[in-house]
Amino acid sequence: CSEMLKALCVEFYAGFYFTRFCEQSGNQRWINAIYFWTDLQHFHQLFYQEGLDPFTVQREAQLLNFTYIFSLARRSLGVDEEIRREVHHRLRPAFEELFDRVEEHVLNILQEAWTQLLRRDEESFQQVSEVVRCINSEEYQELQSLNKETKRCKNEVCHVGATFYKFSNDSNPSQALGLWACVPPSYRGYRLSFLMDERQELIHFMSFLRDHEASVHLMCWLDVEQFQTSPQKEAILRQERWQRLASKYFNEEYFFGAGSPATGEQQQQIVCLAGGPERLQSQCLPNAAVQEIQDIVRNHIEETWLPSFLATPEFTKRQKDKVKVHLLEMYYELWVGLLVWSPSQMSASTEIRQVLLHPSSCQQFLSFVSLKGDFLENDVRFWLEVQRYKDLCHSHSDEATIQQKISIIISCFINSSMPPALQIDIPPDQAQRILEERHQLGPYIFREAQMSVFNELMTVWSEFQDFRSSVGEEQLLSVLEQKRAEPELKHWQSCDLYHLC
């Protein structure tokens, strides 16, 4: 059912709750099935990541076959001999739909486990007694009044601060921002804590500071941060670390020198907190003084050096590349995780493939999309031709026959002699890559293009399902033919009316 498929697709975020249930049940069929489904998602992911590696795909396909499907497999799923032979026949080269029939078999097994899990959870829920408690003591009421007063004071402070900020920035916003005016607005909220969370960016920032002979600031802040983590009970260890810090940074070459991050007043304040210059070098400072030093160095970094680093083109490029990776992960989630709204016992992508590969249902879908215009009808025909190309690869035909098939597909859909040259819904750069790299892409030459047209077909799939369920299988084609004939009838009627006039 669809609920089980949705649960499977968020299994990682649920702490593998369903997987744990199957393991604890002791039912080996359930355990093998859930393990196979998880491994199958990793196999599917190989087809949706940028830069497909045929060797990795082939290795993973063989591993799945010998682990779960082979007659003497260690985690046998008990599939029929016909399915085993089909998988073995289509194993080289391995395409995404290689294990579709096995997946259907596995989902039927997991449906049993899912039913048992729901029954167990329902019984557990019925055994839980509901207890409602209400806290309304005098202390609680006092806390509520204090909370309201705190919120009121906070709102007043925010209002005054916003008014002052507006007044001070109306004359010259760039001057108010200082060095941060050069930073793109989307990065102006970044502080040193961001770099601590993004370890790779911290390395880039250190390299940037070295190029500007300012790495001592970040090194000082990091060393003080490490000192702060020293256990309070380890007095000897803290004393040794502090003496190293003092000799390295708290001297006239850095903290008390011309290039100090602290003002003269701040330097005097630190000396007073330490109890004099001698004690500063020999004894650990109080925690408040250490924190004050760290704040001074951090403010200097964030006000002087961090804006310049965030404004570099290299930083902007890395952030854009990171967004691309995130979008790629979302794209995979869309195909593997979110296409599970189908009420059948398989994912929507698998269901559509089965509909397209069945002659009668494929003709229904083809007639339906032909009424939509654009290139949707061509998308279906292209998808079918690519499937025939895959079958040709599995039939071990000679290279000349395979190349001839590739040329026919390209000339019909990607580089047509009839305008427009591109007859299907794929990006132009994708089509150009097929034309330029057809000999380097191997059997996966149409992989990205087939995924693109499949994505377009997904946009009308739910509408087709609703239409098919409302009309019925037997009447579907006749109703579609009537809808197709209506525009032609109106056209001829308008022509007759024109001649009469």
Protein backbone atom coordinates (compact mmCIF):
# COMPACT_ATOMS: atom_id res chain seq x y z
CA CYS A 1 0.00 0.00 0.00
CA SER A 2 1.01 3.61 -0.41
CA GLU A 3 1.41 4.12 3.35
CA MET A 4 4.02 1.38 3.52
CA LEU A 5 5.93 2.85 0.58
CA LYS A 6 5.95 6.28 2.20
CA ALA A 7 7.24 4.73 5.41
CA LEU A 8 9.98 2.89 3.51
CA CYS A 9 11.13 6.09 1.83
CA VAL A 10 11.54 7.89 5.17
CA GLU A 11 12.94 4.83 6.94
CA PHE A 12 16.31 6.51 7.43
CA TYR A 13 14.75 9.53 9.16
CA ALA A 14 12.58 7.25 11.32
CA GLY A 15 15.64 5.53 12.77
CA PHE A 16 15.05 2.35 10.70
CA TYR A 17 11.96 1.60 12.78
CA PHE A 18 10.44 -0.81 10.24
CA THR A 19 13.81 -2.47 9.63
CA ARG A 20 14.26 -3.07 13.36
CA PHE A 21 10.80 -4.61 13.54
CA CYS A 22 11.63 -7.04 10.72
CA GLU A 23 14.93 -7.97 12.36
CA GLN A 24 13.35 -8.54 15.78
CA SER A 25 10.58 -10.67 14.28
CA GLY A 26 13.07 -13.40 13.38
CA ASN A 27 11.29 -13.91 10.04
CA GLN A 28 14.15 -14.40 7.58
CA ARG A 29 11.95 -13.62 4.54
CA TRP A 30 11.07 -10.22 5.99
CA ILE A 31 14.68 -9.50 6.92
CA ASN A 32 15.99 -10.40 3.45
CA ALA A 33 13.22 -8.36 1.82
CA ILE A 34 13.88 -5.16 3.79
CA TYR A 35 17.64 -5.49 3.25
CA PHE A 36 17.13 -5.93 -0.49
CA TRP A 37 14.81 -2.93 -0.74
CA THR A 38 17.36 -0.74 1.06
CA ASP A 39 20.21 -1.93 -1.17
CA LEU A 40 18.02 -1.44 -4.24
CA GLN A 41 17.57 2.25 -3.41
CA HIS A 42 21.36 2.65 -3.35
CA PHE A 43 21.48 0.94 -6.75
CA HIS A 44 18.83 3.33 -8.14
CA GLN A 45 20.73 6.29 -6.75
CA LEU A 46 23.66 5.50 -9.06
CA PHE A 47 21.49 6.44 -12.04
CA TYR A 48 20.44 9.82 -10.64
CA GLN A 49 23.81 11.18 -9.62
CA GLU A 50 25.94 13.27 -11.92
CA GLY A 51 28.56 11.32 -13.84
CA LEU A 52 27.35 7.72 -13.96
CA ASP A 53 30.11 5.13 -13.53
CA PRO A 54 29.27 1.99 -15.59
CA PHE A 55 31.74 -0.13 -13.63
CA THR A 56 30.10 0.75 -10.29
CA VAL A 57 26.62 0.12 -11.70
CA GLN A 58 27.65 -3.28 -13.04
CA ARG A 59 29.35 -4.25 -9.79
CA GLU A 60 26.33 -3.28 -7.66
CA ALA A 61 23.94 -5.11 -9.99
CA GLN A 62 25.98 -8.31 -9.77
CA LEU A 63 26.20 -7.98 -6.00
CA LEU A 64 22.42 -7.68 -5.69
CA ASN A 65 21.93 -10.64 -8.00
CA PHE A 66 24.30 -12.98 -6.15
CA THR A 67 23.19 -11.83 -2.68
CA TYR A 68 19.41 -12.00 -3.12
CA ILE A 69 18.30 -13.54 -6.43
CA PHE A 70 20.73 -16.31 -7.36
CA SER A 71 19.40 -19.81 -6.59
CA LEU A 72 22.06 -20.34 -3.90
CA ALA A 73 22.01 -16.73 -2.68
CA ARG A 74 22.97 -16.06 0.93
CA ARG A 75 19.84 -13.94 1.47
CA SER A 76 17.54 -15.59 -1.03
CA LEU A 77 14.22 -13.86 -1.72
CA GLY A 78 12.64 -16.98 -3.18
CA VAL A 79 11.79 -15.41 -6.55
CA ASP A 80 10.51 -17.54 -9.42
CA GLU A 81 12.90 -19.17 -11.84
CA GLU A 82 11.48 -17.02 -14.65
CA ILE A 83 12.44 -13.81 -12.81
CA ARG A 84 15.92 -15.15 -12.04
CA ARG A 85 16.51 -15.93 -15.71
CA GLU A 86 15.21 -12.53 -16.78
CA VAL A 87 17.56 -10.72 -14.38
CA HIS A 88 20.50 -12.86 -15.47
CA HIS A 89 19.72 -12.17 -19.14
CA ARG A 90 19.53 -8.39 -18.60
CA LEU A 91 22.47 -8.16 -16.21
CA ARG A 92 24.91 -6.84 -18.84
CA PRO A 93 24.57 -3.95 -19.23
CA ALA A 94 22.54 -3.21 -16.10
CA PHE A 95 19.83 -0.57 -16.38
CA GLU A 96 17.65 1.00 -13.71
CA GLU A 97 14.61 -1.24 -14.32
CA LEU A 98 16.65 -4.45 -14.00
CA PHE A 99 15.09 -5.43 -10.65
CA ASP A 100 11.54 -4.10 -11.13
CA ARG A 101 9.85 -7.51 -10.96
CA VAL A 102 11.98 -8.48 -7.97
CA GLU A 103 10.96 -5.26 -6.24
CA GLU A 104 7.29 -6.08 -6.78
CA HIS A 105 7.86 -9.52 -5.23
CA VAL A 106 9.68 -7.96 -2.27
CA LEU A 107 6.96 -5.37 -1.62
CA ASN A 108 4.41 -8.17 -1.43
CA ILE A 109 6.54 -9.81 1.28
CA LEU A 110 6.98 -6.54 3.17
CA GLN A 111 3.24 -5.96 3.07
CA GLU A 112 2.87 -8.90 5.46
CA ALA A 113 5.39 -7.38 7.87
CA TRP A 114 3.75 -3.96 7.59
CA THR A 115 0.34 -5.39 8.47
CA GLN A 116 1.80 -7.10 11.53
CA LEU A 117 3.53 -3.88 12.60
CA LEU A 118 0.33 -1.85 12.35
CA ARG A 119 -1.57 -4.46 14.33
CA ARG A 120 1.07 -4.48 17.06
CA ASP A 121 1.19 -0.68 17.30
CA GLU A 122 -2.60 -0.49 17.45
CA GLU A 123 -2.70 -2.97 20.31
CA SER A 124 0.02 -1.06 22.16
CA PHE A 125 -1.83 2.21 21.67
CA GLN A 126 -5.04 0.79 23.11
CA GLN A 127 -3.18 -0.27 26.26
CA VAL A 128 -1.98 3.27 27.00
CA SER A 129 -4.25 5.11 29.43
CA GLU A 130 -4.67 8.82 28.92
CA VAL A 131 -3.76 11.06 31.86
CA VAL A 132 -4.51 14.78 31.76
CA ARG A 133 -2.91 17.08 34.28
CA CYS A 134 -3.38 20.80 34.69
CA ILE A 135 -0.85 23.10 36.37
CA ASN A 136 -2.44 26.20 37.79
CA SER A 137 -0.60 26.94 41.02
CA GLU A 138 0.31 30.41 42.30
CA GLU A 139 3.95 29.88 41.32
CA TYR A 140 2.92 28.98 37.76
CA GLN A 141 0.73 32.09 37.48
CA GLU A 142 3.63 34.23 38.71
CA LEU A 143 5.92 32.69 36.07
CA GLN A 144 3.35 33.51 33.39
CA SER A 145 3.14 37.14 34.46
CA LEU A 146 6.95 37.43 34.52
CA ASN A 147 7.11 35.90 31.04
CA LYS A 148 4.62 38.46 29.70
CA GLU A 149 6.56 41.32 31.29
CA THR A 150 9.82 40.05 29.79
CA LYS A 151 8.28 39.86 26.31
CA ARG A 152 6.91 43.39 26.66
CA CYS A 153 10.31 44.79 27.66
CA LYS A 154 12.00 42.90 24.84
CA ASN A 155 9.58 44.32 22.27
CA GLU A 156 10.24 47.85 23.55
CA VAL A 157 14.00 47.38 23.27
CA CYS A 158 13.68 45.95 19.74
CA HIS A 159 11.47 48.88 18.72
CA VAL A 160 13.94 51.46 20.04
CA GLY A 161 16.88 49.62 18.44
CA ALA A 162 15.13 49.41 15.08
CA THR A 163 14.31 53.12 15.19
CA PHE A 164 17.92 54.00 16.02
CA TYR A 165 19.25 51.71 13.28
CA LYS A 166 16.95 53.29 10.71
CA PHE A 167 17.95 56.79 11.81
CA SER A 168 21.67 56.01 11.68
CA ASN A 169 21.48 54.28 8.29
CA ASP A 170 19.22 56.68 6.41
CA SER A 171 22.12 58.96 5.55
CA ASN A 172 24.66 56.39 4.31
CA PRO A 173 23.83 52.65 4.52
CA SER A 174 27.18 51.57 3.06
CA GLN A 175 29.08 53.54 5.69
CA ALA A 176 27.00 51.93 8.44
CA LEU A 177 27.76 48.45 7.12
CA GLY A 178 31.47 49.14 6.79
CA LEU A 179 33.40 46.28 5.20
CA TRP A 180 30.23 44.17 5.20
CA ALA A 181 28.85 46.39 2.41
CA CYS A 182 31.07 44.47 -0.05
CA VAL A 183 29.62 41.12 1.06
CA PRO A 184 26.61 39.73 -0.88
CA PRO A 185 23.44 40.20 1.21
CA SER A 186 22.84 36.45 1.47
CA TYR A 187 26.17 36.01 3.31
CA ARG A 188 26.06 39.00 5.67
CA GLY A 189 24.66 36.91 8.49
CA TYR A 190 27.69 34.59 8.50
CA ARG A 191 30.01 34.76 11.49
CA LEU A 192 32.97 32.80 12.79
CA SER A 193 30.63 30.12 14.16
CA PHE A 194 29.63 29.35 10.55
CA LEU A 195 33.23 28.52 9.69
CA MET A 196 33.51 26.28 12.74
CA ASP A 197 30.54 24.27 11.48
CA GLU A 198 31.89 24.18 7.91
CA ARG A 199 35.34 22.67 8.44
CA GLN A 200 36.37 22.97 4.81
CA GLU A 201 35.55 26.68 4.78
CA LEU A 202 37.63 27.15 7.94
CA ILE A 203 40.62 25.71 6.07
CA HIS A 204 39.98 28.10 3.17
CA PHE A 205 39.71 31.02 5.61
CA MET A 206 43.03 30.11 7.24
CA SER A 207 44.66 30.00 3.81
CA PHE A 208 43.13 33.39 3.00
CA LEU A 209 44.56 34.87 6.22
CA ARG A 210 48.00 33.41 5.51
CA ASP A 211 48.00 35.10 2.12
CA HIS A 212 47.36 38.40 3.92
CA GLU A 213 49.81 37.63 6.77
CA ALA A 214 46.98 37.66 9.32
CA SER A 215 46.63 33.98 10.24
CA VAL A 216 47.86 34.70 13.78
CA HIS A 217 44.42 36.08 14.69
CA LEU A 218 42.59 32.88 13.85
CA MET A 219 45.34 30.71 15.38
CA CYS A 220 45.07 32.68 18.62
CA TRP A 221 41.30 32.34 18.73
CA LEU A 222 41.46 28.58 18.05
CA ASP A 223 44.17 28.03 20.68
CA VAL A 224 42.18 29.95 23.29
CA GLU A 225 39.10 27.92 22.30
CA GLN A 226 41.07 24.72 22.89
CA PHE A 227 42.27 26.05 26.26
CA GLN A 228 38.67 26.72 27.24
CA THR A 229 37.88 23.03 26.77
CA SER A 230 40.56 21.98 29.28
CA PRO A 231 38.95 20.40 32.38
CA GLN A 232 38.93 22.70 35.41
CA LYS A 233 40.14 19.85 37.61
CA GLU A 234 43.32 19.41 35.54
CA ALA A 235 45.09 22.41 37.08
CA ILE A 236 48.58 21.37 35.95
CA LEU A 237 47.44 20.78 32.38
CA ARG A 238 45.64 24.14 32.24
CA GLN A 239 48.70 25.89 33.68
CA GLU A 240 50.99 24.39 31.02
CA ARG A 241 48.62 25.29 28.21
CA TRP A 242 48.20 28.82 29.49
CA GLN A 243 51.93 29.43 29.71
CA ARG A 244 52.31 28.32 26.09
CA LEU A 245 49.47 30.65 25.10
CA ALA A 246 50.92 33.58 27.02
CA SER A 247 54.42 33.19 25.59
CA LYS A 248 53.06 32.83 22.05
CA TYR A 249 50.40 35.54 21.90
CA PHE A 250 50.30 37.82 24.96
CA ASN A 251 53.45 39.76 24.21
CA GLU A 252 54.53 42.85 22.29
CA GLU A 253 54.66 40.89 19.04
CA TYR A 254 50.91 40.29 19.00
CA PHE A 255 48.34 41.16 21.67
CA PHE A 256 50.27 44.09 23.18
CA GLY A 257 51.95 45.16 19.95
CA ALA A 258 51.20 47.56 17.11
CA GLY A 259 49.07 45.03 15.20
CA SER A 260 47.03 44.01 18.23
CA PRO A 261 43.34 43.17 17.78
CA ALA A 262 42.68 45.00 21.08
CA THR A 263 42.55 48.72 21.70
CA GLY A 264 44.81 50.31 24.31
CA GLU A 265 41.94 50.45 26.77
CA GLN A 266 41.14 46.77 26.22
CA GLN A 267 44.79 45.83 26.74
CA GLN A 268 44.86 47.67 30.07
CA GLN A 269 41.63 45.96 31.09
CA ILE A 270 43.10 42.50 30.44
CA VAL A 271 46.26 43.35 32.41
CA CYS A 272 44.12 44.50 35.34
CA LEU A 273 42.00 41.33 35.23
CA ALA A 274 45.21 39.27 35.26
CA GLY A 275 46.62 41.15 38.26
CA GLY A 276 49.63 42.60 36.42
CA PRO A 277 51.91 41.70 33.47
CA GLU A 278 53.90 39.15 35.49
CA ARG A 279 50.83 37.20 36.59
CA LEU A 280 49.54 37.29 33.01
CA GLN A 281 52.58 35.30 31.88
CA SER A 282 52.83 32.92 34.82
CA GLN A 283 49.32 32.14 36.07
CA CYS A 284 46.03 31.18 34.47
CA LEU A 285 43.59 34.02 34.03
CA PRO A 286 40.07 33.84 35.43
CA ASN A 287 37.49 32.47 33.03
CA ALA A 288 35.95 35.92 32.58
CA ALA A 289 39.29 37.35 31.44
CA VAL A 290 39.93 34.46 29.04
CA GLN A 291 36.46 34.90 27.57
CA GLU A 292 37.08 38.63 27.19
CA ILE A 293 40.30 37.96 25.25
CA GLN A 294 38.53 35.51 22.98
CA ASP A 295 35.71 37.99 22.32
CA ILE A 296 38.22 40.72 21.43
CA VAL A 297 40.01 38.49 18.91
CA ARG A 298 36.74 37.18 17.47
CA ASN A 299 35.31 40.69 17.00
CA HIS A 300 38.50 41.77 15.26
CA ILE A 301 38.31 38.79 12.88
CA GLU A 302 34.62 39.30 12.13
CA GLU A 303 34.93 43.05 11.60
CA THR A 304 38.20 43.16 9.68
CA TRP A 305 38.93 39.87 7.90
CA LEU A 306 35.76 37.79 7.63
CA PRO A 307 33.90 40.29 5.36
CA SER A 308 36.84 40.37 2.94
CA PHE A 309 36.87 36.57 2.84
CA LEU A 310 33.11 36.28 2.27
CA ALA A 311 33.33 38.82 -0.57
CA THR A 312 35.84 36.77 -2.58
CA PRO A 313 34.61 35.15 -5.83
CA GLU A 314 36.07 31.83 -4.70
CA PHE A 315 33.80 31.71 -1.63
CA THR A 316 30.74 32.58 -3.73
CA LYS A 317 31.57 29.84 -6.23
CA ARG A 318 31.95 27.22 -3.49
CA GLN A 319 28.56 28.15 -2.04
CA LYS A 320 26.91 27.88 -5.46
CA ASP A 321 28.52 24.48 -6.01
CA LYS A 322 27.21 23.40 -2.61
CA VAL A 323 23.70 24.46 -3.66
CA LYS A 324 24.05 22.37 -6.83
CA VAL A 325 24.95 19.31 -4.76
CA HIS A 326 21.96 19.97 -2.51
CA LEU A 327 19.66 20.26 -5.54
CA LEU A 328 21.05 16.99 -6.88
CA GLU A 329 20.19 15.29 -3.59
CA MET A 330 16.70 16.79 -3.76
CA TYR A 331 16.39 15.53 -7.33
CA TYR A 332 17.20 12.02 -6.18
CA GLU A 333 14.70 12.35 -3.32
CA LEU A 334 12.07 13.37 -5.85
CA TRP A 335 12.61 10.31 -8.02
CA VAL A 336 13.32 7.67 -5.41
CA GLY A 337 11.52 8.90 -2.34
CA LEU A 338 8.63 11.16 -3.26
CA LEU A 339 7.09 9.33 -6.21
CA VAL A 340 5.26 6.95 -3.91
CA TRP A 341 1.78 8.38 -4.05
CA SER A 342 0.57 5.43 -6.19
CA PRO A 343 -1.99 3.17 -4.53
CA SER A 344 -0.40 0.06 -6.00
CA GLN A 345 2.26 -2.08 -4.34
CA MET A 346 5.15 -0.53 -6.24
CA SER A 347 6.65 2.90 -6.68
CA ALA A 348 5.07 5.22 -9.23
CA SER A 349 8.09 5.09 -11.51
CA THR A 350 7.94 1.30 -11.63
CA GLU A 351 4.21 1.40 -12.27
CA ILE A 352 4.54 3.82 -15.18
CA ARG A 353 7.25 1.69 -16.73
CA GLN A 354 4.99 -1.35 -16.57
CA VAL A 355 2.12 0.60 -18.16
CA LEU A 356 4.36 1.79 -20.98
CA LEU A 357 5.76 -1.67 -21.61
CA HIS A 358 2.28 -3.23 -21.90
CA PRO A 359 0.94 -2.70 -25.47
CA SER A 360 -2.72 -1.99 -24.63
CA SER A 361 -2.11 0.30 -21.63
CA CYS A 362 0.70 2.04 -23.53
CA GLN A 363 -1.69 2.80 -26.39
CA GLN A 364 -4.15 4.28 -23.90
CA PHE A 365 -1.52 6.52 -22.37
CA LEU A 366 -0.19 7.49 -25.80
CA SER A 367 -3.67 8.50 -26.97
CA PHE A 368 -4.20 10.47 -23.78
CA VAL A 369 -0.97 12.52 -24.01
CA SER A 370 -1.54 13.16 -27.73
CA LEU A 371 -4.46 15.40 -26.71
CA LYS A 372 -2.11 17.49 -24.56
CA GLY A 373 -0.06 18.81 -27.47
CA ASP A 374 3.58 19.83 -27.16
CA PHE A 375 6.08 16.93 -27.33
CA LEU A 376 4.44 14.54 -24.85
CA GLU A 377 3.51 12.02 -27.54
CA ASN A 378 7.07 12.12 -28.87
CA ASP A 379 8.32 11.68 -25.29
CA VAL A 380 6.42 8.40 -25.00
CA ARG A 381 7.67 7.15 -28.35
CA PHE A 382 11.26 8.14 -27.50
CA TRP A 383 11.05 6.33 -24.16
CA LEU A 384 9.81 3.17 -25.91
CA GLU A 385 12.56 3.34 -28.53
CA VAL A 386 15.20 3.63 -25.81
CA GLN A 387 13.73 0.54 -24.15
CA ARG A 388 14.03 -1.31 -27.47
CA TYR A 389 17.61 -0.10 -27.70
CA LYS A 390 18.27 -1.59 -24.25
CA ASP A 391 16.76 -4.90 -25.36
CA LEU A 392 19.07 -4.79 -28.36
CA CYS A 393 22.05 -4.38 -26.04
CA HIS A 394 20.91 -7.39 -24.01
CA SER A 395 20.48 -9.50 -27.14
CA HIS A 396 24.26 -9.26 -27.71
CA SER A 397 23.82 -7.90 -31.22
CA ASP A 398 26.87 -6.83 -33.18
CA GLU A 399 28.22 -3.31 -32.71
CA ALA A 400 27.14 -2.15 -36.16
CA THR A 401 23.48 -2.98 -35.44
CA ILE A 402 23.58 -1.19 -32.09
CA GLN A 403 25.18 1.92 -33.61
CA GLN A 404 22.57 1.92 -36.37
CA LYS A 405 19.81 1.90 -33.73
CA ILE A 406 21.47 4.81 -31.92
CA SER A 407 21.68 6.78 -35.17
CA ILE A 408 17.98 6.19 -35.90
CA ILE A 409 16.92 7.40 -32.44
CA ILE A 410 19.10 10.49 -32.74
CA SER A 411 17.86 11.36 -36.24
CA CYS A 412 14.21 10.93 -35.22
CA PHE A 413 14.12 12.70 -31.85
CA ILE A 414 17.33 14.60 -31.07
CA ASN A 415 18.68 15.86 -34.39
CA SER A 416 15.68 15.61 -36.68
CA SER A 417 15.77 16.79 -40.30
CA MET A 418 12.30 18.29 -39.72
CA PRO A 419 12.16 21.49 -37.67
CA PRO A 420 12.56 21.75 -34.80
CA ALA A 421 15.61 19.51 -34.66
CA LEU A 422 14.92 18.59 -31.02
CA GLN A 423 11.59 16.74 -30.95
CA ILE A 424 11.43 15.75 -27.25
CA ASP A 425 11.40 17.50 -23.86
CA ILE A 426 15.07 17.52 -22.90
CA PRO A 427 17.44 20.47 -22.32
CA PRO A 428 19.40 21.57 -25.43
CA ASP A 429 22.75 21.04 -23.69
CA GLN A 430 21.73 17.46 -22.93
CA ALA A 431 20.98 16.86 -26.60
CA GLN A 432 24.29 18.44 -27.60
CA ARG A 433 26.17 16.16 -25.20
CA ILE A 434 24.58 13.10 -26.81
CA LEU A 435 25.65 14.27 -30.26
CA GLU A 436 29.21 15.06 -29.20
CA GLU A 437 29.89 12.14 -26.84
CA ARG A 438 27.85 9.30 -28.31
CA HIS A 439 30.91 7.06 -28.60
CA GLN A 440 32.13 7.78 -25.06
CA LEU A 441 28.79 7.28 -23.24
CA GLY A 442 28.51 3.59 -24.13
CA PRO A 443 25.21 1.77 -23.49
CA TYR A 444 24.04 4.60 -21.20
CA ILE A 445 24.01 7.19 -23.99
CA PHE A 446 20.27 7.95 -23.56
CA ARG A 447 20.14 7.63 -19.75
CA GLU A 448 19.76 11.33 -18.93
CA ALA A 449 17.44 12.00 -21.86
CA GLN A 450 15.15 9.13 -20.90
CA MET A 451 15.03 10.41 -17.32
CA SER A 452 14.11 13.89 -18.57
CA VAL A 453 11.20 12.75 -20.73
CA PHE A 454 10.05 10.40 -17.98
CA ASN A 455 9.94 13.40 -15.66
CA GLU A 456 7.70 15.21 -18.15
CA LEU A 457 5.38 12.21 -18.40
CA MET A 458 5.10 12.15 -14.62
CA THR A 459 3.39 15.56 -14.73
CA VAL A 460 0.33 14.08 -16.50
CA TRP A 461 0.38 10.64 -14.89
CA SER A 462 -2.02 11.38 -12.02
CA GLU A 463 -4.43 13.07 -14.45
CA PHE A 464 -4.33 9.99 -16.69
CA GLN A 465 -5.03 7.72 -13.72
CA ASP A 466 -8.05 9.79 -12.70
CA PHE A 467 -9.35 9.83 -16.26
CA ARG A 468 -8.90 6.07 -16.66
CA SER A 469 -10.69 5.30 -13.40
CA SER A 470 -13.62 7.61 -14.26
CA VAL A 471 -14.14 6.27 -17.80
CA GLY A 472 -13.24 2.60 -17.45
CA GLU A 473 -10.79 0.41 -19.32
CA GLU A 474 -13.19 -0.73 -22.06
CA GLN A 475 -14.46 2.73 -23.00
CA LEU A 476 -11.15 4.58 -22.62
CA LEU A 477 -9.86 4.42 -26.21
CA SER A 478 -13.25 5.23 -27.76
CA VAL A 479 -13.68 8.27 -25.50
CA LEU A 480 -10.18 9.46 -26.38
CA GLU A 481 -10.90 9.05 -30.09
CA GLN A 482 -14.04 11.16 -29.70
CA LYS A 483 -12.07 13.88 -27.92
CA ARG A 484 -9.48 13.83 -30.68
CA ALA A 485 -12.19 14.07 -33.38
CA GLU A 486 -13.93 17.08 -31.78
CA PRO A 487 -11.36 19.72 -32.87
CA GLU A 488 -11.33 18.34 -36.43
CA LEU A 489 -15.15 18.42 -36.57
CA LYS A 490 -15.21 22.02 -35.37
CA HIS A 491 -12.59 22.91 -37.98
CA TRP A 492 -14.63 21.47 -40.87
CA GLN A 493 -17.83 23.07 -39.57
CA SER A 494 -16.14 26.46 -39.50
CA CYS A 495 -14.88 25.91 -43.07
CA ASP A 496 -18.41 25.06 -44.28
CA LEU A 497 -19.79 28.14 -42.57
CA TYR A 498 -17.12 30.28 -44.24
CA HIS A 499 -18.06 28.97 -47.72
CA LEU A 500 -21.76 29.58 -47.07
CA CYS A 501 -21.02 33.18 -46.20
